[in-house]
Protein backbone atom coordinates (compact mmCIF):
# COMPACT_ATOMS: atom_id res chain seq x y z
CA MET A 1 19.18 15.23 -14.91
CA GLY A 2 21.17 14.67 -11.71
CA VAL A 3 19.93 13.13 -8.49
CA TYR A 4 16.81 14.48 -6.80
CA ASP A 5 16.45 14.48 -3.06
CA LEU A 6 12.81 13.50 -3.45
CA VAL A 7 10.89 11.96 -6.35
CA ILE A 8 7.11 11.86 -5.89
CA ILE A 9 5.13 9.49 -8.10
CA GLY A 10 1.64 10.90 -8.58
CA GLY A 11 0.29 14.44 -8.73
CA GLY A 12 -2.96 14.13 -6.77
CA PRO A 13 -3.55 15.81 -3.39
CA ALA A 14 -1.11 13.44 -1.64
CA GLY A 15 1.67 14.04 -4.15
CA LEU A 16 1.08 17.79 -4.29
CA ALA A 17 1.13 18.11 -0.50
CA ALA A 18 4.36 16.09 -0.40
CA GLY A 19 5.73 18.48 -3.01
CA VAL A 20 4.87 21.49 -0.86
CA TYR A 21 6.52 20.05 2.25
CA GLY A 22 9.48 18.56 0.41
CA ALA A 23 10.46 21.66 -1.54
CA ARG A 24 9.81 23.93 1.44
CA ALA A 25 12.35 21.82 3.38
CA ARG A 26 14.88 22.71 0.65
CA LEU A 27 14.81 19.26 -0.90
CA LYS A 28 15.29 19.08 -4.66
CA THR A 29 11.83 17.74 -5.47
CA VAL A 30 10.04 16.52 -8.59
CA ILE A 31 6.51 15.17 -9.08
CA LEU A 32 5.96 12.66 -11.89
CA GLU A 33 2.34 12.60 -13.08
CA LYS A 34 1.13 10.72 -16.16
CA GLY A 35 -2.05 12.78 -16.58
CA SER A 36 -3.32 16.12 -15.34
CA THR A 37 -2.39 17.15 -11.81
CA GLY A 38 -5.08 16.79 -9.18
CA GLY A 39 -5.92 13.11 -9.65
CA GLN A 40 -9.49 11.96 -9.03
CA ALA A 41 -10.03 14.96 -6.75
CA ALA A 42 -9.75 17.29 -9.74
CA THR A 43 -12.83 15.68 -11.30
CA THR A 44 -15.01 16.48 -8.27
CA GLU A 45 -17.32 19.36 -9.12
CA GLU A 46 -18.47 20.07 -5.59
CA LEU A 47 -16.15 19.60 -2.60
CA GLU A 48 -18.06 20.47 0.55
CA ASN A 49 -16.06 18.86 3.34
CA TYR A 50 -12.52 20.17 2.88
CA PRO A 51 -11.68 22.22 6.01
CA GLY A 52 -11.62 25.97 5.52
CA PHE A 53 -14.26 26.14 2.78
CA PRO A 54 -17.64 26.42 4.54
CA GLY A 55 -19.33 27.37 1.28
CA GLY A 56 -17.65 24.53 -0.57
CA THR A 57 -15.14 24.59 -3.40
CA THR A 58 -14.36 22.63 -6.56
CA GLY A 59 -11.92 19.76 -6.75
CA ARG A 60 -10.11 21.34 -9.67
CA GLY A 61 -9.92 24.70 -7.94
CA LEU A 62 -8.47 23.19 -4.77
CA THR A 63 -5.92 20.96 -6.50
CA LYS A 64 -4.84 23.81 -8.83
CA ALA A 65 -4.12 25.89 -5.73
CA MET A 66 -2.11 22.97 -4.32
CA GLU A 67 -0.17 22.72 -7.58
CA ASP A 68 0.60 26.45 -7.57
CA HIS A 69 1.67 26.20 -3.92
CA ALA A 70 4.08 23.33 -4.67
CA ARG A 71 5.56 25.15 -7.66
CA SER A 72 6.03 28.32 -5.60
CA PHE A 73 8.52 26.48 -3.38
CA GLY A 74 10.41 25.09 -6.36
CA THR A 75 8.79 21.69 -6.92
CA GLU A 76 9.20 20.50 -10.51
CA ILE A 77 6.19 18.78 -12.08
CA LYS A 78 6.82 16.57 -15.11
CA LYS A 79 4.38 14.64 -17.28
CA GLU A 80 5.73 11.11 -17.00
CA ASN A 81 4.20 7.63 -16.81
CA VAL A 82 6.21 5.54 -14.33
CA ILE A 83 6.47 1.90 -15.42
CA ASP A 84 9.29 0.46 -13.31
CA SER A 85 11.66 1.22 -10.47
CA ASP A 86 14.69 0.03 -8.56
CA LEU A 87 14.07 1.09 -4.97
CA GLY A 88 16.46 -1.12 -3.02
CA GLY A 89 19.68 0.86 -3.26
CA GLU A 90 20.88 4.03 -1.59
CA THR A 91 19.97 5.86 -4.81
CA LYS A 92 16.50 4.96 -6.10
CA VAL A 93 15.94 4.71 -9.87
CA ILE A 94 12.52 5.51 -11.38
CA LYS A 95 11.91 4.49 -14.99
CA THR A 96 9.23 6.03 -17.20
CA LYS A 97 7.45 5.04 -20.40
CA SER A 98 9.22 7.81 -22.29
CA GLY A 99 12.57 6.16 -21.57
CA ASN A 100 13.71 8.65 -18.95
CA GLU A 101 15.27 7.63 -15.64
CA TYR A 102 14.96 9.71 -12.49
CA ARG A 103 17.38 9.12 -9.61
CA ALA A 104 16.43 10.00 -6.07
CA ARG A 105 17.65 9.70 -2.51
CA ALA A 106 14.06 9.20 -1.32
CA VAL A 107 10.73 8.42 -2.98
CA VAL A 108 7.08 9.06 -2.15
CA LEU A 109 4.59 6.72 -3.83
CA ALA A 110 1.35 8.66 -4.35
CA SER A 111 0.02 6.86 -7.41
CA GLY A 112 -3.62 6.89 -6.27
CA ALA A 113 -6.40 4.51 -7.28
CA HIS A 114 -9.03 4.17 -9.99
CA PRO A 115 -12.70 3.10 -9.91
CA ARG A 116 -13.33 -0.63 -9.85
CA SER A 117 -15.02 -2.22 -12.86
CA LEU A 118 -17.48 -5.10 -12.41
CA LYS A 119 -16.87 -6.29 -15.99
CA ILE A 120 -20.60 -6.61 -16.58
CA LYS A 121 -21.73 -7.37 -20.11
CA GLY A 122 -21.98 -4.07 -21.97
CA GLU A 123 -20.05 -2.09 -19.34
CA LYS A 124 -16.82 -1.70 -21.29
CA GLU A 125 -18.51 -1.16 -24.65
CA LEU A 126 -20.74 1.62 -23.32
CA THR A 127 -18.25 3.39 -21.04
CA GLY A 128 -18.43 7.07 -21.94
CA LYS A 129 -21.70 6.38 -23.77
CA GLY A 130 -23.94 6.38 -20.72
CA VAL A 131 -21.72 4.32 -18.39
CA SER A 132 -19.82 6.50 -15.92
CA TYR A 133 -17.77 6.24 -12.73
CA CYS A 134 -17.95 9.90 -11.75
CA ALA A 135 -21.25 11.64 -11.02
CA THR A 136 -19.69 15.06 -10.61
CA CYS A 137 -18.01 14.69 -14.00
CA ASP A 138 -21.03 13.54 -15.98
CA ALA A 139 -24.21 14.36 -14.03
CA ASP A 140 -25.14 17.33 -16.20
CA PHE A 141 -25.37 15.02 -19.25
CA PHE A 142 -28.39 13.37 -17.65
CA GLU A 143 -30.52 16.39 -16.88
CA GLU A 144 -34.22 15.41 -16.80
CA LEU A 145 -33.30 11.80 -17.64
CA GLU A 146 -33.26 8.55 -15.65
CA VAL A 147 -30.12 6.83 -14.35
CA VAL A 148 -29.11 3.76 -12.37
CA VAL A 149 -26.53 3.68 -9.57
CA VAL A 150 -24.66 0.48 -8.69
CA GLY A 151 -23.32 0.34 -5.14
CA ASN A 152 -24.57 1.25 -1.67
CA GLY A 153 -21.55 2.55 0.23
CA ASP A 154 -20.80 6.15 1.16
CA ALA A 155 -19.63 7.13 -2.32
CA ALA A 156 -22.57 5.47 -4.10
CA VAL A 157 -25.29 6.98 -1.92
CA GLU A 158 -23.73 10.45 -1.73
CA GLU A 159 -23.20 10.55 -5.51
CA ALA A 160 -26.74 9.32 -6.05
CA ILE A 161 -28.01 12.24 -4.00
CA TYR A 162 -25.88 14.56 -6.11
CA LEU A 163 -27.32 13.05 -9.30
CA THR A 164 -30.85 13.99 -8.20
CA LYS A 165 -29.93 17.62 -8.82
CA PHE A 166 -29.93 16.77 -12.54
CA ALA A 167 -31.76 13.50 -13.26
CA ASP A 168 -35.50 13.06 -12.88
CA GLN A 169 -35.09 9.62 -11.32
CA VAL A 170 -32.14 7.80 -9.73
CA THR A 171 -32.53 4.06 -9.11
CA ILE A 172 -30.03 2.47 -6.71
CA ILE A 173 -29.47 -1.26 -7.10
CA VAL A 174 -28.62 -2.79 -3.72
CA ILE A 175 -27.39 -6.32 -3.12
CA HIS A 176 -28.73 -6.33 0.48
CA ASP A 177 -32.24 -6.83 1.83
CA GLN A 178 -34.59 -3.86 1.99
CA GLY A 179 -33.38 -1.04 4.21
CA ILE A 180 -29.80 -2.31 4.60
CA LEU A 181 -27.03 -0.07 3.23
CA ASP A 182 -23.28 0.04 3.69
CA CYS A 183 -23.10 3.83 3.86
CA ASN A 184 -23.09 6.11 6.90
CA LYS A 185 -26.39 6.70 8.70
CA GLN A 186 -26.70 10.39 7.76
CA SER A 187 -26.34 9.73 4.04
CA ALA A 188 -28.82 6.85 4.25
CA GLU A 189 -31.42 9.06 5.92
CA ARG A 190 -30.98 11.76 3.27
CA ALA A 191 -31.31 9.23 0.47
CA PHE A 192 -34.42 7.57 1.92
CA ALA A 193 -36.02 11.00 2.24
CA ASN A 194 -35.24 12.01 -1.36
CA PRO A 195 -38.31 11.51 -3.58
CA LYS A 196 -36.19 11.19 -6.72
CA ILE A 197 -34.35 8.13 -5.42
CA HIS A 198 -35.84 4.68 -6.03
CA TRP A 199 -34.55 1.37 -4.72
CA VAL A 200 -34.14 -2.14 -6.10
CA TRP A 201 -33.26 -4.47 -3.22
CA SER A 202 -31.61 -7.90 -3.12
CA SER A 203 -30.41 -7.45 -6.68
CA VAL A 204 -27.36 -7.06 -8.90
CA LEU A 205 -26.81 -5.61 -12.33
CA GLU A 206 -26.62 -8.40 -14.91
CA GLU A 207 -26.22 -6.53 -18.22
CA ILE A 208 -26.19 -3.07 -19.80
CA LYS A 209 -27.87 -2.80 -23.18
CA GLY A 210 -27.79 -0.16 -25.89
CA ASP A 211 -26.99 0.50 -29.53
CA GLY A 212 -24.09 2.94 -29.21
CA ILE A 213 -25.63 4.47 -26.07
CA VAL A 214 -27.16 3.09 -22.86
CA GLU A 215 -30.83 2.26 -23.36
CA SER A 216 -31.65 -0.28 -20.66
CA VAL A 217 -30.27 -2.59 -17.96
CA VAL A 218 -31.01 -6.14 -16.95
CA ILE A 219 -31.36 -6.60 -13.17
CA LYS A 220 -31.13 -9.97 -11.42
CA ASN A 221 -32.86 -10.69 -8.10
CA ILE A 222 -30.31 -12.75 -6.13
CA LYS A 223 -33.02 -14.53 -4.13
CA THR A 224 -35.33 -15.62 -6.96
CA GLY A 225 -32.96 -15.45 -9.93
CA GLN A 226 -35.58 -13.45 -11.83
CA LEU A 227 -34.26 -11.13 -14.56
CA THR A 228 -35.97 -7.79 -15.14
CA GLU A 229 -35.16 -5.33 -17.91
CA MET A 230 -35.53 -1.65 -17.07
CA GLU A 231 -35.17 1.32 -19.40
CA THR A 232 -32.60 3.90 -18.34
CA ASN A 233 -30.35 6.54 -19.86
CA GLY A 234 -27.22 6.02 -17.79
CA VAL A 235 -25.42 3.75 -15.35
CA PHE A 236 -23.09 4.99 -12.60
CA PHE A 237 -20.76 2.56 -10.84
CA PHE A 238 -19.52 3.22 -7.29
CA VAL A 239 -18.19 -0.13 -6.11
CA GLY A 240 -14.81 0.77 -4.71
CA THR A 241 -11.40 1.49 -6.14
CA VAL A 242 -8.31 -0.38 -7.34
CA PRO A 243 -4.86 0.95 -6.38
CA ASN A 244 -2.51 2.02 -9.17
CA THR A 245 0.30 -0.19 -7.93
CA ASP A 246 0.93 -2.72 -10.70
CA PHE A 247 4.37 -1.21 -11.26
CA LEU A 248 5.20 -1.82 -7.58
CA GLN A 249 4.67 -5.59 -7.55
CA GLY A 250 7.73 -7.10 -5.87
CA LYS A 251 9.15 -3.66 -5.07
CA VAL A 252 7.42 -2.88 -1.74
CA ASP A 253 5.04 -4.84 0.47
CA LEU A 254 1.41 -4.72 -0.74
CA ASP A 255 -1.69 -6.18 0.88
CA GLU A 256 -3.90 -8.77 -0.81
CA LYS A 257 -5.79 -6.03 -2.69
CA GLY A 258 -2.64 -4.35 -3.95
CA TYR A 259 -2.61 -1.39 -1.55
CA ILE A 260 0.79 -0.28 -0.22
CA MET A 261 1.45 -1.17 3.41
CA THR A 262 2.91 1.60 5.58
CA ASN A 263 3.27 2.62 9.20
CA GLU A 264 2.05 5.91 10.68
CA ARG A 265 5.13 7.69 9.28
CA MET A 266 4.15 6.51 5.78
CA GLU A 267 7.25 4.30 5.65
CA THR A 268 7.00 1.30 3.34
CA SER A 269 8.94 -1.95 3.67
CA VAL A 270 11.86 -0.33 1.81
CA SER A 271 14.15 2.17 3.50
CA GLY A 272 13.79 5.67 2.04
CA VAL A 273 10.51 4.86 0.28
CA TYR A 274 7.20 6.27 1.53
CA ALA A 275 3.59 6.04 0.40
CA ALA A 276 0.70 8.49 0.66
CA GLY A 277 -2.92 8.85 -0.38
CA ASP A 278 -5.37 6.41 -1.93
CA ALA A 279 -2.71 3.89 -2.99
CA ARG A 280 -1.88 2.91 0.59
CA VAL A 281 -3.76 0.84 3.16
CA LYS A 282 -5.90 3.27 5.18
CA TYR A 283 -9.25 3.72 6.87
CA LEU A 284 -10.52 6.83 5.06
CA ARG A 285 -9.77 7.89 1.48
CA GLN A 286 -10.58 11.58 1.20
CA VAL A 287 -8.77 14.64 -0.15
CA VAL A 288 -7.97 15.86 3.36
CA THR A 289 -6.44 12.53 4.43
CA ALA A 290 -4.45 12.28 1.20
CA ALA A 291 -2.98 15.74 1.80
CA ALA A 292 -2.15 14.78 5.40
CA ASP A 293 -0.43 11.60 4.19
CA GLY A 294 1.66 13.61 1.75
CA ALA A 295 2.79 16.02 4.45
CA VAL A 296 3.77 13.18 6.79
CA ALA A 297 5.61 11.31 4.03
CA ALA A 298 7.65 14.34 2.98
CA VAL A 299 8.61 15.24 6.55
CA ALA A 300 9.58 11.63 7.24
CA ALA A 301 11.65 11.58 4.05
CA GLU A 302 13.40 14.83 4.99
CA ARG A 303 14.35 13.45 8.40
CA TYR A 304 15.51 10.20 6.84
CA LEU A 305 17.76 12.11 4.45
CA ALA A 306 19.13 14.27 7.26
CA GLU A 307 20.04 11.16 9.27
CA GLU A 308 21.56 9.53 6.20
CA GLU A 309 23.71 12.57 5.59
CA PHE A 310 24.76 12.69 9.24
CA PHE A 311 25.70 9.01 9.23
CA LYS A 312 27.65 9.29 6.00
CA LYS A 313 29.62 12.30 7.24
CA GLN A 314 30.18 11.15 10.80
CA VAL A 315 30.38 7.36 10.45
CA SER A 316 30.76 5.94 6.95
CA ASP A 317 33.46 8.34 5.74
CA PHE A 318 35.71 7.94 8.81
CA ASP A 319 38.92 5.95 8.23
CA GLY A 320 39.11 4.04 11.48
CA ALA A 321 36.74 2.71 14.11
CA VAL A 322 33.59 4.62 15.09
CA MET A 323 31.87 4.17 18.44
CA ALA A 324 28.24 5.21 17.92
CA VAL A 325 26.53 5.50 21.28
CA PHE A 326 22.74 5.52 21.34
CA TRP A 327 21.61 7.46 24.36
CA ALA A 328 18.78 9.70 25.64
CA PRO A 329 19.19 12.93 27.64
CA GLN A 330 16.47 11.87 30.09
CA ASP A 331 18.17 8.53 30.88
CA GLU A 332 20.77 8.80 33.65
CA GLU A 333 22.48 5.51 32.82
CA SER A 334 23.03 6.56 29.22
CA ILE A 335 24.32 9.99 30.29
CA ALA A 336 26.95 8.23 32.43
CA ALA A 337 27.80 5.96 29.50
CA VAL A 338 28.39 8.95 27.23
CA ALA A 339 30.76 10.50 29.78
CA LEU A 340 32.71 7.24 30.05
CA LEU A 341 32.94 6.91 26.26
CA GLU A 342 34.11 10.51 25.83
CA LYS A 343 37.00 9.89 28.22
CA THR A 344 37.81 6.52 26.64
CA ALA A 345 37.78 7.96 23.10
CA GLN A 346 40.34 10.59 24.13
CA GLU A 347 42.61 7.86 25.48
CA LEU A 348 42.31 5.75 22.31
CA GLY A 349 43.58 8.47 19.99
CA ASP A 350 42.84 9.59 16.42
CA ARG A 351 42.00 6.14 15.00
CA VAL A 352 38.82 6.06 17.08
CA LYS A 353 35.88 8.46 16.83
CA LEU A 354 32.88 8.83 19.14
CA VAL A 355 29.49 9.71 17.63
CA LYS A 356 26.57 10.45 19.96
CA ILE A 357 23.07 9.62 18.71
CA ASP A 358 20.00 10.73 20.64
CA ALA A 359 17.76 7.67 20.33
CA SER A 360 14.66 9.74 21.08
CA ARG A 361 15.28 11.88 17.97
CA SER A 362 16.90 9.41 15.56
CA GLU A 363 14.12 6.93 14.83
CA VAL A 364 15.55 5.91 11.45
CA ALA A 365 18.90 4.87 12.93
CA VAL A 366 17.24 3.14 15.89
CA GLN A 367 15.08 1.04 13.57
CA ARG A 368 17.80 0.34 11.03
CA TYR A 369 20.27 -0.92 13.61
CA GLN A 370 17.62 -2.57 15.80
CA VAL A 371 18.56 -0.69 18.95
CA THR A 372 16.13 -1.94 21.58
CA THR A 373 17.84 -0.77 24.78
CA ILE A 374 19.95 2.21 25.76
CA PRO A 375 22.69 2.88 26.30
CA ALA A 376 23.99 0.88 23.36
CA VAL A 377 27.32 1.18 21.56
CA LEU A 378 27.66 0.10 17.93
CA PHE A 379 31.19 -0.22 16.57
CA PHE A 380 31.52 0.68 12.87
CA VAL A 381 34.41 -0.08 10.54
CA LYS A 382 34.16 1.26 6.98
CA GLY A 383 30.50 2.10 7.57
CA GLU A 384 29.49 -1.41 8.62
CA VAL A 385 28.52 -2.61 12.10
CA ALA A 386 31.38 -4.78 13.36
CA ALA A 387 30.26 -5.26 16.98
CA ARG A 388 27.87 -3.93 19.61
CA ILE A 389 27.51 -3.66 23.38
CA SER A 390 24.23 -2.90 25.17
CA GLY A 391 23.50 -1.97 28.78
CA GLN A 392 26.28 -1.44 31.30
CA PHE A 393 29.92 -1.67 30.21
CA THR A 394 33.37 -0.64 31.39
CA ALA A 395 36.20 1.28 29.77
CA ILE A 396 38.23 -1.93 29.69
CA GLU A 397 35.51 -3.71 27.68
CA ILE A 398 35.38 -0.81 25.21
CA LYS A 399 39.17 -0.79 24.77
CA GLU A 400 39.28 -4.57 24.27
CA GLN A 401 36.60 -4.34 21.59
CA ILE A 402 38.43 -1.56 19.77
CA ALA A 403 41.68 -3.55 19.94
CA ASP A 404 39.95 -6.51 18.28
CA LEU A 405 38.66 -4.28 15.48
CA LEU A 406 41.88 -2.41 14.77
């Protein structure tokens, strides 16, 4: 199977966008997806807010186009369920349920998230039999019927509005006092104005009842404790998501909810490993932000690999001492330092090599070697840092340091 430049775990919008950018950068790229490509986005019937589609589009149509785009650049897409990984080494190892192992120089984690379950009595037993987590997937099953929506955030209220296109009545159960919702103001105004939407305030869902199919729900008022049974044909849950990161426990840093922690370059706590999309800590989980994450992650991975290759060729493989000077073309002191080091390197002969690293363009190396000031000279022997000098220095100091190393 060989070693891939980039292995992407997950074939949703984040993974597909990473595939486009990775393969277009001439990286040998593969996407590992346990189900159908497109992720949760592919189940969205109407997608009205993706830029460039003023008339709207479908989630499946958009993600199929992303898949075709990634394949056109040479991205491989394989049906694999990732269950374990070894991410710490220079070569990352990804293990799948089928017994295959994929080796990669860099990895993008785009494993997505799944709807949260409240584990209410009857929920599991009646899932797919009137209990749903996706209005756009199942709304047409409830045409001219009555349904209940659990949740009051953006997703819950917007999906409830969508359900009114099919159902005769949509009842939203809200834990807050009357008039208080967690969704955005525009969606709230639309919902309040919709005659098909009814509200049950200060309440939670206690139980879902039915003989093989949803027939009714039991609602509990959190202020009085009173239980009320209401007939209904379906229950839709929109109470958040859970990241698909169980296989990453102990591999990269996760927050208390299990989401992958990254910086703005999508870098995780492990060098060469990036995260994108709904599985990472972020403010907004939408198709457009997932695609943006994927693009950033792939570009960051490509630059990481380029720096790794440069370091291996220029530093690690040299049989002698390497003086790596971190400088910046706009910094006069570092320009003078480079000139001094060039002259000194010539005087020291073939056992010493000078490598110039523009700190403003080599963020990976700067972070890895904790270069906080420039100019800075790191002395490498057999690819490992043996000494360093920061700030002003003289040719004599450089020569003495090299003498100690050789």
